[in-house]
Protein backbone atom coordinates (compact mmCIF):
# COMPACT_ATOMS: atom_id res chain seq x y z
CA MET A 1 19.30 -8.16 -4.62
CA LEU A 2 15.66 -7.99 -4.69
CA PRO A 3 14.98 -9.12 -8.50
CA TRP A 4 13.32 -6.90 -8.35
CA PHE A 5 15.18 -3.74 -8.30
CA ALA A 6 17.84 -5.91 -10.55
CA ASP A 7 18.98 -4.39 -14.61
CA ASN A 8 18.61 -1.05 -12.89
CA GLN A 9 14.58 -2.02 -13.01
CA PHE A 10 12.13 1.39 -11.53
CA PRO A 11 9.21 -0.79 -9.38
CA LEU A 12 5.96 1.13 -8.38
CA PHE A 13 4.81 0.02 -5.68
CA LEU A 14 1.45 0.23 -4.04
CA ALA A 15 1.16 0.80 -0.52
CA PRO A 16 -0.17 -1.07 2.02
CA MET A 17 -2.92 0.07 2.89
CA ALA A 18 -5.85 -0.69 5.81
CA GLY A 19 -9.04 -1.43 4.03
CA VAL A 20 -7.65 -1.27 1.01
CA THR A 21 -5.41 -2.92 -0.29
CA ASP A 22 -7.37 -6.15 -0.06
CA VAL A 23 -7.18 -8.75 -3.01
CA THR A 24 -9.15 -7.98 -5.40
CA PHE A 25 -7.50 -3.98 -4.95
CA ARG A 26 -4.60 -5.69 -5.76
CA THR A 27 -5.25 -7.90 -9.22
CA ILE A 28 -6.97 -3.86 -10.23
CA CYS A 29 -3.64 -2.55 -9.48
CA LYS A 30 -1.22 -5.68 -11.16
CA GLU A 31 -3.89 -5.50 -14.58
CA LEU A 32 -2.29 -1.60 -14.49
CA GLY A 33 1.10 -2.16 -13.99
CA ALA A 34 1.58 -2.73 -10.52
CA ASP A 35 4.57 -4.21 -10.67
CA VAL A 36 5.18 -5.13 -6.08
CA MET A 37 2.64 -4.98 -3.66
CA VAL A 38 2.57 -5.37 -0.12
CA THR A 39 -0.59 -6.88 1.34
CA GLU A 40 -2.60 -5.16 4.58
CA PHE A 41 -0.50 -4.76 7.47
CA VAL A 42 -1.70 -8.32 9.51
CA SER A 43 -1.48 -8.29 13.52
CA ALA A 44 1.16 -11.10 14.34
CA GLU A 45 -0.83 -11.98 17.04
CA GLY A 46 -3.22 -12.16 15.46
CA ILE A 47 -2.04 -14.28 13.17
CA MET A 48 -0.15 -16.35 16.40
CA GLN A 49 -2.97 -16.85 17.51
CA ALA A 50 -4.96 -18.49 14.48
CA ASP A 51 -7.50 -15.82 13.71
CA GLN A 52 -9.31 -16.62 10.77
CA ARG A 53 -10.53 -12.95 9.82
CA THR A 54 -6.74 -11.95 9.52
CA ARG A 55 -5.54 -14.38 8.01
CA LYS A 56 -7.50 -13.20 5.12
CA TYR A 57 -5.39 -10.65 5.22
CA THR A 58 -2.68 -12.50 3.74
CA GLU A 59 -4.08 -14.20 1.23
CA PHE A 60 -3.27 -13.44 -2.34
CA THR A 61 -3.36 -15.21 -5.90
CA ASP A 62 0.55 -15.74 -8.40
CA GLU A 63 -0.91 -13.42 -10.74
CA GLN A 64 0.50 -10.29 -8.53
CA ARG A 65 3.28 -11.73 -7.24
CA PRO A 66 5.85 -10.69 -6.19
CA VAL A 67 3.54 -9.32 -2.96
CA GLY A 68 4.24 -9.35 0.21
CA VAL A 69 2.59 -9.55 3.91
CA GLN A 70 3.18 -6.96 6.26
CA LEU A 71 3.17 -7.96 9.82
CA PHE A 72 3.63 -5.12 13.19
CA GLY A 73 4.69 -6.04 16.42
CA ALA A 74 6.68 -5.17 18.97
CA ASP A 75 8.66 -8.38 19.21
CA GLY A 76 10.26 -10.25 17.40
CA VAL A 77 10.41 -13.92 18.43
CA ARG A 78 5.84 -14.02 18.48
CA MET A 79 6.95 -11.72 14.19
CA GLY A 80 9.43 -14.45 12.59
CA GLU A 81 7.27 -17.03 14.47
CA ALA A 82 4.11 -16.18 12.86
CA ALA A 83 5.70 -14.95 9.53
CA ASN A 84 7.15 -18.97 9.87
CA LYS A 85 3.28 -19.64 9.89
CA ILE A 86 2.67 -16.86 6.60
CA ILE A 87 5.14 -18.70 4.67
CA ASP A 88 3.91 -22.05 5.81
CA TRP A 89 0.95 -21.10 4.63
CA LYS A 90 1.38 -19.43 1.16
CA ARG A 91 4.48 -18.58 0.92
CA PRO A 92 4.86 -14.71 0.37
CA ASP A 93 8.23 -13.27 -1.76
CA PHE A 94 8.84 -11.07 0.98
CA ILE A 95 7.15 -10.43 4.86
CA ASP A 96 7.00 -6.91 5.06
CA ILE A 97 7.71 -4.97 8.56
CA ASN A 98 5.66 -1.56 9.22
CA PHE A 99 7.18 0.04 11.22
CA GLY A 100 5.48 3.95 9.64
CA CYS A 101 1.53 3.03 10.95
CA PRO A 102 1.23 6.42 12.57
CA VAL A 103 -2.39 4.74 14.46
CA ASN A 104 -3.12 5.77 17.92
CA LYS A 105 -4.57 1.91 18.34
CA VAL A 106 -0.94 0.25 16.24
CA VAL A 107 1.31 3.14 18.10
CA SER A 108 -0.98 2.41 21.92
CA LYS A 109 0.70 -1.35 21.27
CA ASN A 110 4.75 -0.52 21.00
CA GLY A 111 3.69 -1.13 16.68
CA GLY A 112 4.11 0.65 14.23
CA SER A 113 5.56 4.08 13.19
CA SER A 114 5.90 3.79 18.11
CA LEU A 115 9.69 2.06 17.57
CA LEU A 116 10.60 4.79 15.21
CA LYS A 117 11.47 5.97 19.53
CA ASP A 118 13.04 3.18 20.31
CA CYS A 119 16.13 2.32 18.53
CA PRO A 120 16.73 -0.50 20.09
CA LEU A 121 13.28 -1.97 20.42
CA LEU A 122 13.58 -1.15 16.30
CA ALA A 123 16.31 -3.54 15.53
CA ALA A 124 15.84 -6.40 17.68
CA THR A 125 12.14 -6.56 16.34
CA ALA A 126 13.85 -6.54 12.69
CA ARG A 127 16.49 -9.04 14.08
CA GLY A 128 14.34 -11.22 15.65
CA ILE A 129 12.22 -12.40 12.40
CA VAL A 130 15.59 -11.67 9.80
CA LYS A 131 17.37 -14.28 11.79
CA ALA A 132 13.70 -16.81 11.87
CA VAL A 133 13.18 -16.31 7.82
CA GLY A 134 15.54 -14.60 6.54
CA HIS A 135 16.57 -17.48 5.22
CA ARG A 136 13.14 -18.47 3.94
CA VAL A 137 12.55 -15.27 2.46
CA PRO A 138 13.94 -11.69 2.07
CA VAL A 139 12.91 -8.88 4.72
CA THR A 140 12.19 -5.46 4.25
CA ALA A 141 10.59 -2.70 6.47
CA LYS A 142 8.54 0.17 5.74
CA ILE A 143 8.99 3.23 8.42
CA ARG A 144 7.96 7.36 8.26
CA VAL A 145 10.64 10.30 7.88
CA GLY A 146 10.32 10.25 12.01
CA TRP A 147 8.10 10.64 15.31
CA ASP A 148 7.95 13.71 14.85
CA PHE A 149 10.05 17.30 13.73
CA ASP A 150 12.37 17.31 16.48
CA SER A 151 13.26 13.60 15.60
CA ILE A 152 13.86 12.86 12.43
CA ASN A 153 15.45 9.83 12.14
CA ALA A 154 14.92 8.09 8.65
CA GLU A 155 19.31 7.90 8.21
CA GLU A 156 19.74 5.79 11.50
CA VAL A 157 16.22 3.39 11.32
CA CYS A 158 17.86 2.84 8.17
CA ARG A 159 21.50 2.34 8.76
CA ILE A 160 20.29 0.03 12.29
CA LEU A 161 17.39 -2.08 9.74
CA GLU A 162 20.70 -2.70 6.64
CA GLY A 163 22.72 -3.57 9.55
CA GLU A 164 20.71 -6.25 10.47
CA GLY A 165 19.64 -7.36 8.18
CA ILE A 166 16.62 -5.84 6.40
CA GLN A 167 16.52 -6.16 2.79
CA SER A 168 14.47 -2.74 1.29
CA ILE A 169 13.10 -0.36 3.41
CA ALA A 170 10.78 2.48 1.79
CA ILE A 171 10.19 5.30 3.82
CA HIS A 172 6.93 7.15 3.63
CA GLY A 173 8.08 11.15 3.80
CA ARG A 174 6.09 12.33 6.53
CA THR A 175 6.93 12.25 10.09
CA ARG A 176 3.94 9.90 12.35
CA SER A 177 3.34 13.36 14.81
CA GLN A 178 1.47 14.68 10.69
CA GLY A 179 -0.21 11.86 9.99
CA TYR A 180 -1.66 12.19 6.04
CA SER A 181 -1.33 16.19 6.80
CA GLY A 182 1.23 18.17 5.02
CA GLU A 183 4.03 17.32 2.65
CA ALA A 184 5.83 14.18 2.17
CA ASN A 185 9.22 14.90 2.88
CA TRP A 186 11.69 13.86 0.25
CA GLU A 187 15.06 16.12 0.81
CA VAL A 188 14.45 13.63 4.07
CA ILE A 189 14.15 10.41 1.79
CA ASP A 190 17.13 11.72 -0.12
CA GLN A 191 19.22 11.43 2.40
CA ALA A 192 17.94 8.50 4.03
CA ALA A 193 18.71 6.95 1.07
CA ARG A 194 21.83 8.12 0.15
CA ALA A 195 22.84 6.57 3.44
CA VAL A 196 23.07 2.89 2.91
CA LYS A 197 23.04 -0.03 -0.35
CA VAL A 198 20.11 -2.00 0.47
CA PRO A 199 17.16 -0.27 -1.82
CA VAL A 200 15.11 2.89 -0.77
CA ILE A 201 11.18 3.31 -2.04
CA GLY A 202 10.32 6.78 -1.63
CA ASN A 203 6.50 7.16 -0.53
CA GLY A 204 4.41 10.19 -0.44
CA ASP A 205 2.49 12.82 -2.19
CA LEU A 206 3.22 10.49 -5.35
CA THR A 207 0.16 11.68 -7.07
CA SER A 208 1.04 11.81 -11.05
CA GLY A 209 3.28 10.20 -14.01
CA GLU A 210 5.48 14.17 -14.03
CA VAL A 211 5.51 14.07 -10.61
CA ILE A 212 7.06 10.89 -10.40
CA ALA A 213 9.37 10.79 -13.17
CA ARG A 214 10.59 13.96 -10.71
CA ARG A 215 11.37 12.02 -7.25
CA LYS A 216 12.80 8.68 -9.90
CA GLU A 217 15.14 12.04 -11.40
CA GLU A 218 16.08 14.03 -8.50
CA THR A 219 16.05 11.98 -5.45
CA ALA A 220 18.76 8.21 -5.28
CA VAL A 221 15.86 6.49 -4.69
CA SER A 222 15.98 2.47 -6.35
CA GLY A 223 11.28 2.41 -7.25
CA LEU A 224 8.57 4.50 -5.81
CA MET A 225 5.83 3.84 -4.00
CA ILE A 226 2.06 4.54 -4.62
CA GLY A 227 -0.71 4.94 -1.36
CA ARG A 228 -3.88 7.50 -1.69
CA ALA A 229 -3.36 7.80 -5.22
CA ALA A 230 -3.56 4.30 -6.05
CA MET A 231 -6.87 4.31 -4.02
CA GLN A 232 -8.66 6.84 -6.62
CA THR A 233 -6.61 6.72 -9.79
CA PRO A 234 -5.28 2.58 -10.25
CA TRP A 235 -4.98 3.43 -13.11
CA ILE A 236 -2.29 5.63 -12.18
CA PHE A 237 0.51 2.52 -12.82
CA ARG A 238 -0.22 2.63 -16.44
CA GLU A 239 -0.34 6.44 -16.50
CA ALA A 240 3.37 7.02 -14.80
CA LYS A 241 5.12 4.13 -15.80
CA HIS A 242 3.82 6.02 -20.02
CA TYR A 243 5.56 8.87 -18.62
CA LEU A 244 8.22 8.02 -18.09
CA ALA A 245 9.01 5.60 -20.84
CA THR A 246 8.42 8.58 -23.53
CA GLY A 247 8.60 12.04 -21.34
CA GLU A 248 4.35 11.89 -21.95
CA THR A 249 1.08 12.22 -19.71
CA LEU A 250 -1.78 10.20 -20.84
CA PRO A 251 -4.95 11.35 -21.60
CA PRO A 252 -7.47 11.41 -18.75
CA LEU A 253 -9.81 7.97 -18.10
CA SER A 254 -12.99 9.49 -18.85
CA VAL A 255 -15.53 8.73 -17.27
CA GLU A 256 -17.31 6.02 -19.66
CA GLU A 257 -13.40 4.15 -18.84
CA ARG A 258 -13.59 4.17 -15.53
CA TRP A 259 -17.23 2.93 -14.94
CA PRO A 260 -16.89 -0.66 -16.22
CA LEU A 261 -13.35 -0.81 -13.95
CA ILE A 262 -15.24 0.40 -10.76
CA LEU A 263 -18.38 -2.55 -11.20
CA ARG A 264 -15.53 -4.93 -12.44
CA HIS A 265 -14.53 -3.34 -8.73
CA CYS A 266 -17.34 -4.91 -7.12
CA ARG A 267 -17.63 -8.05 -9.10
CA LEU A 268 -14.64 -9.28 -8.17
CA ALA A 269 -14.62 -8.57 -4.26
CA ILE A 270 -17.85 -10.28 -4.78
CA GLN A 271 -16.35 -13.47 -5.86
CA SER A 272 -13.74 -12.62 -2.79
CA ASP A 273 -16.09 -13.14 -0.70
CA ARG A 274 -13.43 -11.77 1.78
CA TYR A 275 -16.41 -9.17 2.78
CA GLY A 276 -19.77 -12.03 2.89
CA ASP A 277 -22.84 -11.14 0.63
CA GLU A 278 -23.28 -9.47 -2.09
CA ARG A 279 -24.58 -6.44 0.24
CA HIS A 280 -22.25 -6.59 2.51
CA THR A 281 -19.68 -7.04 0.44
CA MET A 282 -20.86 -3.78 -2.07
CA MET A 283 -21.85 -1.46 1.09
CA ALA A 284 -18.17 -2.09 2.70
CA MET A 285 -17.04 -0.68 -1.10
CA ARG A 286 -18.82 2.42 -0.83
CA SER A 287 -15.93 4.02 0.28
CA ARG A 288 -14.46 2.62 -1.84
CA LEU A 289 -16.96 4.44 -4.34
CA MET A 290 -16.64 7.53 -3.27
CA ALA A 291 -13.17 7.45 -3.99
CA TYR A 292 -13.15 6.26 -7.29
CA CYS A 293 -16.20 8.80 -8.49
CA LYS A 294 -14.67 11.52 -7.27
CA GLY A 295 -14.47 14.63 -9.22
CA PHE A 296 -17.23 12.96 -11.21
CA PRO A 297 -19.90 15.62 -13.03
CA GLY A 298 -22.77 15.66 -11.25
CA SER A 299 -20.93 14.24 -7.79
CA LYS A 300 -23.11 15.23 -5.06
CA ALA A 301 -26.05 13.69 -6.58
CA LEU A 302 -24.52 10.72 -7.12
CA ARG A 303 -22.45 10.36 -4.07
CA ARG A 304 -25.53 9.98 -2.21
CA ALA A 305 -27.28 7.11 -4.11
CA LEU A 306 -23.64 5.33 -3.54
CA SER A 307 -24.08 5.70 0.30
CA GLN A 308 -27.48 3.25 -0.73
CA VAL A 309 -26.06 0.79 -2.21
CA GLU A 310 -26.52 -2.60 -1.54
CA SER A 311 -25.15 -5.02 -5.18
CA VAL A 312 -24.42 -4.23 -8.61
CA ALA A 313 -27.33 -4.81 -10.22
CA GLN A 314 -27.65 -1.14 -8.64
CA LEU A 315 -24.53 -0.06 -8.93
CA GLU A 316 -25.24 -0.44 -13.26
CA ASP A 317 -28.81 1.29 -13.09
CA LEU A 318 -26.97 3.52 -11.44
CA ALA A 319 -23.81 3.75 -13.86
CA GLU A 320 -26.44 3.86 -16.72
CA SER A 321 -28.04 7.49 -15.15
CA HIS A 322 -25.54 8.97 -14.85
CA LEU A 323 -23.98 7.91 -18.13
CA SER A 324 -27.34 9.44 -19.80
CA GLY A 325 -27.31 12.43 -17.43
CA LYS A 326 -30.98 11.48 -16.09
CA PHE A 327 -30.62 12.07 -12.35
CA PHE A 328 -27.25 13.71 -11.57
CA GLN A 329 -26.96 17.28 -13.10
CA ASN A 330 -25.85 20.07 -10.29
């Protein structure tokens, strides 16, 4: 059994999200209570071509462990070779296979959720990676409940993956055709979790400690994976753990408490050099800032100002102005 499931632990995972779960955001989430995390997905072919930008996606710190690197592709042999390269660079705690991404540019290359339509290819892909690196690190997978509503096959896919040596499976409760619309199907997640012996991690619409506690209680999952809710409120991990332990909801983080976290995230992002100099980093951070500030008083005017920010100094001035109430009155 993977150590983060041992002794009846119920881990909370940070979901892999392209353009979001970089090394800086993972640091923030770890400090706020995330137990296990997965990098942004990386292209196996990009790794094999020694693309330095692709390699950046695999970076992590020891403080973030246990952490896995997620690969996408459809050639198990090549993906296994790429996984070995990653392990040689900096040994992650596990390699995760992306069988769930719904994005066209991934699906069009037979990656991500497209393999849910081709179970023999999915099995061969998993088999190739397990054969290549399973003796070095565990191999896990992330899937969706199916390609569309007419082909929901999470239970079948989980049985296949278990048979190929995959050691845990995260299931997002939507089909590929849904994208991120509609509701996650937790009944299917529960059925799949009961069908296999390996741990199954549930994912989808986990928006509060109360919801997280309910999914733990009502399904057979061994852990939960939080994605989009963490983008806006990375402290959801802390809130969830408090609710699981006490049954009580923590007071919402105040605006005064959020601004220091926002500023620290930006400073860490600049230090990481992931996006280049300060100006380019702050431009890359704008979408993250919008997510953090959703629901703030005066958010309409604040969003306009955030869309222009190019330095931490500018952001500090905006924070001071916002907290004083001088410029952001709707």
